[in-house]
Amino acid sequence: MRKSHERIGQIHGSGVMPSFPVLRLAAAKMEECLKKGAEGRKFAIALESLEYSGDLAKQLFAFSSKMEQVFKRLQELRNKKETDPKLYNKHFNIIEEKLAWYAKAEAIFFW
């Protein structure tokens, strides 16, 4: 199964669809970065004071920082009005990878 951002690149490459959908997808991913990054930071702060939190608090801070970095890079691309999906795919993949990790961490936090 292909990811939505991969389909956009293929459709765009065939000339069927204009390149601007990648900008809309980037905006949605950026919003998700900010939301989940803020949640991660909040959970990290809450865990930091608990003796049994282990490395999870540090990992959540690292997750939050990575989400911020990816957000800024996507913001730069959008501000330049870059429309080549290849420029965005690396960042979209990082977001998906980190969000998968965060879903597991979140399950541990609320366990």
N, C-alpha and C. Protein backbone atom coordinates (compact mmCIF):
# COMPACT_ATOMS: atom_id res chain seq x y z
N MET A 1 0.84 -1.18 0.00
CA MET A 1 0.00 0.00 0.00
C MET A 1 0.88 1.24 0.00
N ARG A 2 0.59 2.15 -0.85
CA ARG A 2 1.40 3.37 -0.97
C ARG A 2 0.87 4.44 -0.05
N LYS A 3 1.76 5.27 0.39
CA LYS A 3 1.39 6.37 1.25
C LYS A 3 0.82 7.49 0.39
N SER A 4 -0.01 8.32 0.98
CA SER A 4 -0.68 9.37 0.23
C SER A 4 0.29 10.29 -0.47
N HIS A 5 1.43 10.61 0.18
CA HIS A 5 2.38 11.53 -0.43
C HIS A 5 3.10 10.88 -1.61
N GLU A 6 3.22 9.55 -1.61
CA GLU A 6 3.83 8.88 -2.76
C GLU A 6 2.89 8.93 -3.96
N ARG A 7 1.59 8.75 -3.70
CA ARG A 7 0.62 8.82 -4.79
C ARG A 7 0.60 10.20 -5.43
N ILE A 8 0.71 11.23 -4.61
CA ILE A 8 0.72 12.59 -5.16
C ILE A 8 1.88 12.76 -6.11
N GLY A 9 3.04 12.29 -5.72
CA GLY A 9 4.21 12.41 -6.58
C GLY A 9 4.03 11.67 -7.88
N GLN A 10 3.41 10.50 -7.84
CA GLN A 10 3.21 9.74 -9.05
C GLN A 10 2.15 10.40 -9.93
N ILE A 11 1.09 10.85 -9.32
CA ILE A 11 0.06 11.51 -10.12
C ILE A 11 0.61 12.79 -10.72
N HIS A 12 1.34 13.55 -9.92
CA HIS A 12 1.94 14.78 -10.41
C HIS A 12 2.91 14.47 -11.56
N GLY A 13 3.70 13.43 -11.39
CA GLY A 13 4.68 13.06 -12.41
C GLY A 13 4.04 12.69 -13.73
N SER A 14 2.81 12.17 -13.68
CA SER A 14 2.13 11.78 -14.91
C SER A 14 1.45 12.97 -15.57
N GLY A 15 1.39 14.08 -14.88
CA GLY A 15 0.77 15.26 -15.45
C GLY A 15 -0.74 15.30 -15.27
N VAL A 16 -1.29 14.36 -14.53
CA VAL A 16 -2.73 14.30 -14.35
C VAL A 16 -3.21 15.37 -13.37
N MET A 17 -2.41 15.64 -12.36
CA MET A 17 -2.81 16.57 -11.31
C MET A 17 -1.76 17.66 -11.16
N PRO A 18 -2.17 18.89 -10.91
CA PRO A 18 -1.18 19.94 -10.68
C PRO A 18 -0.38 19.65 -9.42
N SER A 19 0.76 20.29 -9.30
CA SER A 19 1.68 19.99 -8.21
C SER A 19 1.27 20.58 -6.87
N PHE A 20 0.30 21.47 -6.82
CA PHE A 20 -0.02 22.14 -5.55
C PHE A 20 -0.61 21.25 -4.47
N PRO A 21 -1.14 20.05 -4.73
CA PRO A 21 -1.63 19.23 -3.61
C PRO A 21 -0.53 18.92 -2.58
N VAL A 22 0.70 18.88 -3.00
CA VAL A 22 1.78 18.60 -2.05
C VAL A 22 1.87 19.74 -1.04
N LEU A 23 1.54 20.94 -1.43
CA LEU A 23 1.55 22.06 -0.49
C LEU A 23 0.45 21.90 0.56
N ARG A 24 -0.71 21.42 0.12
CA ARG A 24 -1.81 21.18 1.07
C ARG A 24 -1.46 20.03 2.02
N LEU A 25 -0.86 18.98 1.47
CA LEU A 25 -0.45 17.86 2.31
C LEU A 25 0.61 18.31 3.31
N ALA A 26 1.54 19.15 2.86
CA ALA A 26 2.58 19.67 3.75
C ALA A 26 1.94 20.47 4.89
N ALA A 27 0.94 21.27 4.57
CA ALA A 27 0.27 22.06 5.61
C ALA A 27 -0.38 21.15 6.65
N ALA A 28 -1.01 20.08 6.20
CA ALA A 28 -1.64 19.14 7.12
C ALA A 28 -0.59 18.43 7.99
N LYS A 29 0.51 18.03 7.37
CA LYS A 29 1.58 17.36 8.11
C LYS A 29 2.22 18.32 9.11
N MET A 30 2.36 19.59 8.73
CA MET A 30 2.94 20.57 9.63
C MET A 30 2.06 20.76 10.86
N GLU A 31 0.76 20.80 10.65
CA GLU A 31 -0.17 20.95 11.76
C GLU A 31 -0.05 19.74 12.71
N GLU A 32 0.07 18.56 12.12
CA GLU A 32 0.22 17.35 12.92
C GLU A 32 1.53 17.37 13.71
N CYS A 33 2.59 17.87 13.08
CA CYS A 33 3.89 17.99 13.77
C CYS A 33 3.76 18.85 15.01
N LEU A 34 3.13 20.01 14.86
CA LEU A 34 2.99 20.91 16.00
C LEU A 34 2.13 20.31 17.10
N LYS A 35 1.03 19.70 16.71
CA LYS A 35 0.11 19.14 17.69
C LYS A 35 0.76 18.00 18.46
N LYS A 36 1.31 17.03 17.75
CA LYS A 36 1.89 15.87 18.42
C LYS A 36 3.19 16.23 19.15
N GLY A 37 3.95 17.15 18.57
CA GLY A 37 5.16 17.61 19.24
C GLY A 37 4.86 18.26 20.58
N ALA A 38 3.81 19.08 20.61
CA ALA A 38 3.40 19.73 21.86
C ALA A 38 2.90 18.71 22.87
N GLU A 39 2.14 17.73 22.40
CA GLU A 39 1.67 16.67 23.29
C GLU A 39 2.86 15.91 23.88
N GLY A 40 3.82 15.58 23.03
CA GLY A 40 5.00 14.85 23.47
C GLY A 40 5.77 15.62 24.53
N ARG A 41 5.93 16.91 24.32
CA ARG A 41 6.63 17.75 25.28
C ARG A 41 5.87 17.80 26.61
N LYS A 42 4.56 17.91 26.54
CA LYS A 42 3.73 17.94 27.75
C LYS A 42 3.89 16.63 28.54
N PHE A 43 3.83 15.50 27.84
CA PHE A 43 4.00 14.21 28.51
C PHE A 43 5.40 14.07 29.08
N ALA A 44 6.40 14.56 28.37
CA ALA A 44 7.78 14.48 28.84
C ALA A 44 7.94 15.25 30.14
N ILE A 45 7.36 16.43 30.20
CA ILE A 45 7.45 17.25 31.41
C ILE A 45 6.76 16.55 32.58
N ALA A 46 5.60 15.95 32.30
CA ALA A 46 4.87 15.24 33.35
C ALA A 46 5.65 14.03 33.84
N LEU A 47 6.31 13.33 32.95
CA LEU A 47 7.06 12.13 33.32
C LEU A 47 8.38 12.44 34.00
N GLU A 48 8.95 13.57 33.68
CA GLU A 48 10.28 13.93 34.15
C GLU A 48 10.40 13.83 35.68
N SER A 49 9.35 14.15 36.37
CA SER A 49 9.41 14.16 37.83
C SER A 49 9.16 12.78 38.45
N LEU A 50 8.80 11.80 37.64
CA LEU A 50 8.51 10.47 38.16
C LEU A 50 9.76 9.61 38.14
N GLU A 51 10.00 8.92 39.22
CA GLU A 51 11.20 8.09 39.34
C GLU A 51 11.22 6.96 38.32
N TYR A 52 10.09 6.41 37.99
CA TYR A 52 10.02 5.23 37.14
C TYR A 52 9.86 5.56 35.65
N SER A 53 10.04 6.80 35.29
CA SER A 53 9.84 7.18 33.89
C SER A 53 10.96 6.69 32.97
N GLY A 54 12.13 6.39 33.55
CA GLY A 54 13.23 5.89 32.73
C GLY A 54 13.63 6.87 31.66
N ASP A 55 13.91 6.35 30.48
CA ASP A 55 14.33 7.19 29.36
C ASP A 55 13.16 7.75 28.57
N LEU A 56 11.96 7.36 28.92
CA LEU A 56 10.80 7.78 28.13
C LEU A 56 10.68 9.30 28.08
N ALA A 57 10.91 9.98 29.17
CA ALA A 57 10.81 11.45 29.17
C ALA A 57 11.84 12.04 28.21
N LYS A 58 13.06 11.54 28.23
CA LYS A 58 14.10 12.03 27.31
C LYS A 58 13.72 11.74 25.86
N GLN A 59 13.19 10.55 25.63
CA GLN A 59 12.78 10.19 24.27
C GLN A 59 11.63 11.06 23.78
N LEU A 60 10.73 11.39 24.68
CA LEU A 60 9.61 12.27 24.31
C LEU A 60 10.11 13.69 24.00
N PHE A 61 11.09 14.18 24.76
CA PHE A 61 11.68 15.48 24.44
C PHE A 61 12.35 15.44 23.07
N ALA A 62 13.06 14.35 22.78
CA ALA A 62 13.72 14.20 21.48
C ALA A 62 12.68 14.13 20.35
N PHE A 63 11.59 13.44 20.58
CA PHE A 63 10.50 13.36 19.61
C PHE A 63 9.95 14.76 19.32
N SER A 64 9.70 15.49 20.39
CA SER A 64 9.15 16.84 20.25
C SER A 64 10.10 17.74 19.46
N SER A 65 11.38 17.65 19.76
CA SER A 65 12.38 18.46 19.04
C SER A 65 12.44 18.09 17.56
N LYS A 66 12.35 16.79 17.27
CA LYS A 66 12.39 16.34 15.87
C LYS A 66 11.16 16.84 15.12
N MET A 67 10.01 16.80 15.77
CA MET A 67 8.79 17.30 15.12
C MET A 67 8.94 18.79 14.80
N GLU A 68 9.55 19.52 15.69
CA GLU A 68 9.79 20.95 15.46
C GLU A 68 10.75 21.16 14.29
N GLN A 69 11.81 20.37 14.22
CA GLN A 69 12.77 20.48 13.12
C GLN A 69 12.11 20.20 11.77
N VAL A 70 11.32 19.14 11.74
CA VAL A 70 10.64 18.76 10.49
C VAL A 70 9.64 19.85 10.10
N PHE A 71 8.92 20.36 11.09
CA PHE A 71 7.97 21.46 10.83
C PHE A 71 8.69 22.63 10.16
N LYS A 72 9.83 23.02 10.73
CA LYS A 72 10.57 24.17 10.19
C LYS A 72 11.05 23.91 8.77
N ARG A 73 11.50 22.69 8.50
CA ARG A 73 11.98 22.37 7.15
C ARG A 73 10.82 22.40 6.16
N LEU A 74 9.68 21.86 6.53
CA LEU A 74 8.50 21.91 5.65
C LEU A 74 8.05 23.36 5.45
N GLN A 75 8.14 24.14 6.50
CA GLN A 75 7.78 25.55 6.40
C GLN A 75 8.68 26.27 5.39
N GLU A 76 9.97 25.97 5.44
CA GLU A 76 10.90 26.57 4.48
C GLU A 76 10.53 26.19 3.04
N LEU A 77 10.24 24.91 2.84
CA LEU A 77 9.87 24.46 1.49
C LEU A 77 8.59 25.15 1.01
N ARG A 78 7.61 25.24 1.89
CA ARG A 78 6.34 25.89 1.51
C ARG A 78 6.54 27.37 1.25
N ASN A 79 7.36 28.03 2.07
CA ASN A 79 7.61 29.46 1.86
C ASN A 79 8.29 29.73 0.53
N LYS A 80 9.11 28.77 0.09
CA LYS A 80 9.76 28.88 -1.22
C LYS A 80 8.82 28.47 -2.35
N LYS A 81 7.64 27.99 -1.96
CA LYS A 81 6.63 27.51 -2.90
C LYS A 81 7.14 26.34 -3.76
N GLU A 82 7.96 25.51 -3.12
CA GLU A 82 8.45 24.30 -3.79
C GLU A 82 7.28 23.36 -4.00
N THR A 83 7.15 22.80 -5.18
CA THR A 83 6.03 21.92 -5.48
C THR A 83 6.46 20.51 -5.89
N ASP A 84 7.75 20.25 -5.85
CA ASP A 84 8.24 18.92 -6.21
C ASP A 84 8.03 17.99 -5.01
N PRO A 85 7.17 16.98 -5.14
CA PRO A 85 6.91 16.07 -4.02
C PRO A 85 8.17 15.37 -3.50
N LYS A 86 9.16 15.20 -4.33
CA LYS A 86 10.40 14.54 -3.90
C LYS A 86 11.08 15.31 -2.78
N LEU A 87 10.95 16.62 -2.80
CA LEU A 87 11.56 17.44 -1.75
C LEU A 87 10.86 17.26 -0.41
N TYR A 88 9.60 16.88 -0.45
CA TYR A 88 8.79 16.73 0.76
C TYR A 88 8.78 15.30 1.30
N ASN A 89 8.93 14.31 0.43
CA ASN A 89 8.74 12.92 0.83
C ASN A 89 9.62 12.49 1.99
N LYS A 90 10.88 12.91 1.99
CA LYS A 90 11.78 12.56 3.09
C LYS A 90 11.19 13.00 4.43
N HIS A 91 10.67 14.20 4.46
CA HIS A 91 10.12 14.76 5.68
C HIS A 91 8.80 14.09 6.06
N PHE A 92 7.98 13.77 5.07
CA PHE A 92 6.74 13.06 5.33
C PHE A 92 7.04 11.69 5.93
N ASN A 93 8.05 11.02 5.41
CA ASN A 93 8.42 9.71 5.93
C ASN A 93 8.92 9.79 7.37
N ILE A 94 9.69 10.83 7.67
CA ILE A 94 10.17 11.03 9.04
C ILE A 94 8.98 11.22 9.97
N ILE A 95 8.02 12.02 9.55
CA ILE A 95 6.83 12.27 10.37
C ILE A 95 6.10 10.96 10.64
N GLU A 96 5.88 10.17 9.61
CA GLU A 96 5.16 8.92 9.79
C GLU A 96 5.92 7.97 10.71
N GLU A 97 7.23 7.90 10.56
CA GLU A 97 8.05 7.04 11.41
C GLU A 97 7.97 7.50 12.87
N LYS A 98 8.12 8.79 13.09
CA LYS A 98 8.10 9.32 14.46
C LYS A 98 6.71 9.22 15.09
N LEU A 99 5.67 9.41 14.29
CA LEU A 99 4.32 9.29 14.84
C LEU A 99 4.00 7.85 15.22
N ALA A 100 4.54 6.89 14.48
CA ALA A 100 4.36 5.48 14.84
C ALA A 100 5.02 5.21 16.19
N TRP A 101 6.23 5.74 16.36
CA TRP A 101 6.92 5.59 17.65
C TRP A 101 6.11 6.26 18.76
N TYR A 102 5.62 7.46 18.50
CA TYR A 102 4.87 8.22 19.50
C TYR A 102 3.61 7.49 19.92
N ALA A 103 2.93 6.85 18.98
CA ALA A 103 1.71 6.11 19.32
C ALA A 103 2.03 5.02 20.34
N LYS A 104 3.16 4.35 20.19
CA LYS A 104 3.58 3.33 21.15
C LYS A 104 3.91 3.98 22.51
N ALA A 105 4.65 5.07 22.47
CA ALA A 105 5.02 5.77 23.70
C ALA A 105 3.79 6.28 24.43
N GLU A 106 2.85 6.78 23.68
CA GLU A 106 1.61 7.29 24.26
C GLU A 106 0.83 6.16 24.94
N ALA A 107 0.84 4.99 24.32
CA ALA A 107 0.16 3.84 24.91
C ALA A 107 0.80 3.47 26.24
N ILE A 108 2.12 3.57 26.32
CA ILE A 108 2.81 3.28 27.57
C ILE A 108 2.45 4.32 28.63
N PHE A 109 2.40 5.59 28.21
CA PHE A 109 2.10 6.67 29.15
C PHE A 109 0.70 6.52 29.75
N PHE A 110 -0.26 6.11 28.93
CA PHE A 110 -1.64 5.99 29.40
C PHE A 110 -1.99 4.59 29.88
N TRP A 111 -1.00 3.72 29.94
CA TRP A 111 -1.24 2.36 30.36
C TRP A 111 -1.56 2.35 31.78
